Amino acid sequence: MAPIGAWTAETWSLIVYVAAAFGLVGVMIGLSALLGGRDWGRAKNEPFESGVVGVGSAQMRISVKFYLVAMFFVIFDAEALYLYAWAISVRESGWAGFIEATIFIFILTASLVYLWKVGALEWAPKKTRDAAKKAKAQAQAAAVNPPSPRT
């Protein structure tokens, strides 16, 4: 490592920046500890919900499907981010970048097809889906073989 006198201006500016950031964090934590309220009471321990008194438990059972949809959104939103970055630099990346983007799109399409086939994108319960399929099949059968008119 070079002696301290040989450090460049960029190194010194980085050191000053990091020291200022840690100093600011220390000052903020210290001031909040010194000036913060010390009162304890029943009302202080309740969460503030925009002036509305909370009712019931915060422990709710939520279907796993909501979390799955959130994960799928993050995954496929990241896809859009990478493809946007690729579209910006398409001229610089050339054919190699085009092939990489094509492989990336193929993998994501294959994963979407897999999720679809596994049923991860199905929202309705199995009973409801089966009833809908049965009704659809009956409607198609009725359209193909209409009842004969009675004379």
Protein backbone atom coordinates (compact mmCIF):
# COMPACT_ATOMS: atom_id res chain seq x y z
CA MET A 1 0.00 0.00 0.00
CA ALA A 2 1.22 3.48 -0.82
CA PRO A 3 2.20 5.89 1.96
CA ILE A 4 -0.49 8.34 3.12
CA GLY A 5 1.15 11.28 1.38
CA ALA A 6 0.88 9.52 -2.01
CA TRP A 7 -2.92 9.07 -1.93
CA THR A 8 -4.76 10.77 -4.75
CA ALA A 9 -7.54 13.33 -4.49
CA GLU A 10 -10.12 10.64 -5.31
CA THR A 11 -8.97 8.53 -2.37
CA TRP A 12 -9.15 11.48 0.02
CA SER A 13 -12.58 12.46 -1.22
CA LEU A 14 -13.81 8.89 -0.65
CA ILE A 15 -12.38 8.87 2.88
CA VAL A 16 -14.01 12.22 3.67
CA TYR A 17 -17.34 11.04 2.22
CA VAL A 18 -17.39 7.80 4.26
CA ALA A 19 -16.34 9.66 7.42
CA ALA A 20 -19.07 12.28 6.87
CA ALA A 21 -21.71 9.58 6.30
CA PHE A 22 -20.75 7.71 9.49
CA GLY A 23 -20.54 11.01 11.38
CA LEU A 24 -24.02 12.04 10.22
CA VAL A 25 -25.46 8.67 11.23
CA GLY A 26 -23.77 8.92 14.64
CA VAL A 27 -25.09 12.44 15.20
CA MET A 28 -28.63 11.43 14.25
CA ILE A 29 -28.62 8.38 16.55
CA GLY A 30 -27.05 10.36 19.39
CA LEU A 31 -29.52 13.24 19.12
CA SER A 32 -32.50 10.92 19.02
CA ALA A 33 -31.23 9.15 22.14
CA LEU A 34 -30.68 12.46 23.96
CA LEU A 35 -33.75 14.38 22.81
CA GLY A 36 -36.22 11.53 22.31
CA GLY A 37 -39.24 11.05 24.53
CA ARG A 38 -39.00 8.79 27.52
CA ASP A 39 -42.68 8.50 28.39
CA TRP A 40 -44.18 5.06 28.62
CA GLY A 41 -47.84 4.29 28.64
CA ARG A 42 -50.56 2.18 27.17
CA ALA A 43 -51.12 4.59 24.27
CA LYS A 44 -47.39 4.77 23.49
CA ASN A 45 -47.22 1.02 22.90
CA GLU A 46 -50.06 0.95 20.37
CA PRO A 47 -49.30 1.35 16.66
CA PHE A 48 -50.42 4.59 15.06
CA GLU A 49 -52.77 3.84 12.18
CA SER A 50 -53.49 7.34 10.85
CA GLY A 51 -55.76 8.17 13.75
CA VAL A 52 -57.79 4.99 13.46
CA VAL A 53 -57.76 2.68 16.44
CA GLY A 54 -56.64 -0.78 15.38
CA VAL A 55 -59.19 -3.54 15.85
CA GLY A 56 -58.46 -7.24 15.94
CA SER A 57 -55.26 -9.13 15.46
CA ALA A 58 -52.62 -8.28 12.91
CA GLN A 59 -52.08 -11.99 12.34
CA MET A 60 -54.06 -12.78 9.20
CA ARG A 61 -53.88 -15.92 7.13
CA ILE A 62 -53.16 -14.97 3.55
CA SER A 63 -53.08 -17.43 0.70
CA VAL A 64 -49.66 -18.45 -0.56
CA LYS A 65 -50.82 -17.56 -4.08
CA PHE A 66 -50.40 -13.86 -3.27
CA TYR A 67 -46.74 -14.43 -2.39
CA LEU A 68 -46.25 -16.54 -5.50
CA VAL A 69 -47.69 -13.82 -7.70
CA ALA A 70 -45.42 -11.28 -6.00
CA MET A 71 -42.37 -13.47 -6.67
CA PHE A 72 -43.41 -14.03 -10.29
CA PHE A 73 -43.83 -10.28 -10.70
CA VAL A 74 -40.35 -9.59 -9.34
CA ILE A 75 -38.81 -12.30 -11.53
CA PHE A 76 -40.49 -11.20 -14.73
CA ASP A 77 -40.08 -7.51 -13.92
CA ALA A 78 -36.34 -8.11 -13.60
CA GLU A 79 -36.54 -9.69 -17.04
CA ALA A 80 -37.93 -6.45 -18.42
CA LEU A 81 -35.15 -4.51 -16.72
CA TYR A 82 -32.42 -6.66 -18.27
CA LEU A 83 -34.05 -6.56 -21.68
CA TYR A 84 -34.36 -2.78 -21.48
CA ALA A 85 -30.65 -2.50 -20.64
CA TRP A 86 -29.89 -4.83 -23.54
CA ALA A 87 -32.07 -2.76 -25.90
CA ILE A 88 -30.15 0.39 -24.95
CA SER A 89 -26.79 -1.22 -25.72
CA VAL A 90 -27.83 -3.41 -28.66
CA ARG A 91 -25.35 -1.80 -31.05
CA GLU A 92 -22.41 -2.20 -28.68
CA SER A 93 -23.22 -5.81 -27.78
CA GLY A 94 -23.45 -7.05 -31.37
CA TRP A 95 -24.41 -10.58 -32.34
CA ALA A 96 -23.04 -12.07 -29.13
CA GLY A 97 -25.38 -9.86 -27.12
CA PHE A 98 -28.27 -10.78 -29.40
CA ILE A 99 -27.63 -14.50 -28.87
CA GLU A 100 -27.36 -14.00 -25.10
CA ALA A 101 -30.63 -12.04 -25.03
CA THR A 102 -32.32 -14.76 -27.10
CA ILE A 103 -31.14 -17.45 -24.68
CA PHE A 104 -32.32 -15.30 -21.75
CA ILE A 105 -35.78 -14.85 -23.33
CA PHE A 106 -35.96 -18.58 -24.10
CA ILE A 107 -35.15 -19.54 -20.50
CA LEU A 108 -37.73 -17.11 -19.13
CA THR A 109 -40.35 -18.31 -21.60
CA ALA A 110 -39.63 -21.92 -20.64
CA SER A 111 -39.98 -21.03 -16.97
CA LEU A 112 -43.30 -19.29 -17.65
CA VAL A 113 -44.58 -22.34 -19.55
CA TYR A 114 -43.43 -24.58 -16.68
CA LEU A 115 -45.24 -22.42 -14.12
CA TRP A 116 -48.36 -22.50 -16.29
CA LYS A 117 -48.25 -26.30 -16.70
CA VAL A 118 -47.65 -26.88 -12.98
CA GLY A 119 -50.70 -24.73 -12.20
CA ALA A 120 -48.88 -22.03 -10.27
CA LEU A 121 -50.82 -19.37 -12.16
CA GLU A 122 -54.23 -20.86 -11.31
CA TRP A 123 -56.20 -18.77 -8.84
CA ALA A 124 -59.38 -20.76 -8.56
CA PRO A 125 -59.63 -23.82 -6.34
CA LYS A 126 -59.59 -27.22 -8.05
CA LYS A 127 -63.36 -27.74 -7.55
CA THR A 128 -64.18 -24.46 -9.27
CA ARG A 129 -61.81 -25.19 -12.16
CA ASP A 130 -63.29 -28.66 -12.64
CA ALA A 131 -66.84 -27.28 -12.60
CA ALA A 132 -65.88 -24.63 -15.14
CA LYS A 133 -64.28 -27.25 -17.42
CA LYS A 134 -67.37 -29.43 -17.16
CA ALA A 135 -69.69 -26.53 -18.00
CA LYS A 136 -67.48 -25.56 -20.94
CA ALA A 137 -67.48 -29.12 -22.25
CA GLN A 138 -71.28 -29.29 -21.97
CA ALA A 139 -71.63 -25.97 -23.79
CA GLN A 140 -69.35 -27.18 -26.59
CA ALA A 141 -71.25 -30.47 -26.85
CA ALA A 142 -74.54 -28.58 -27.04
CA ALA A 143 -73.12 -26.31 -29.76
CA VAL A 144 -71.95 -29.29 -31.84
CA ASN A 145 -75.12 -31.35 -31.36
CA PRO A 146 -78.02 -28.95 -31.05
CA PRO A 147 -81.27 -30.49 -29.82
CA SER A 148 -83.59 -31.45 -32.63
CA PRO A 149 -86.79 -29.42 -32.92
CA ARG A 150 -89.88 -31.28 -31.82
CA THR A 151 -92.72 -31.37 -34.25
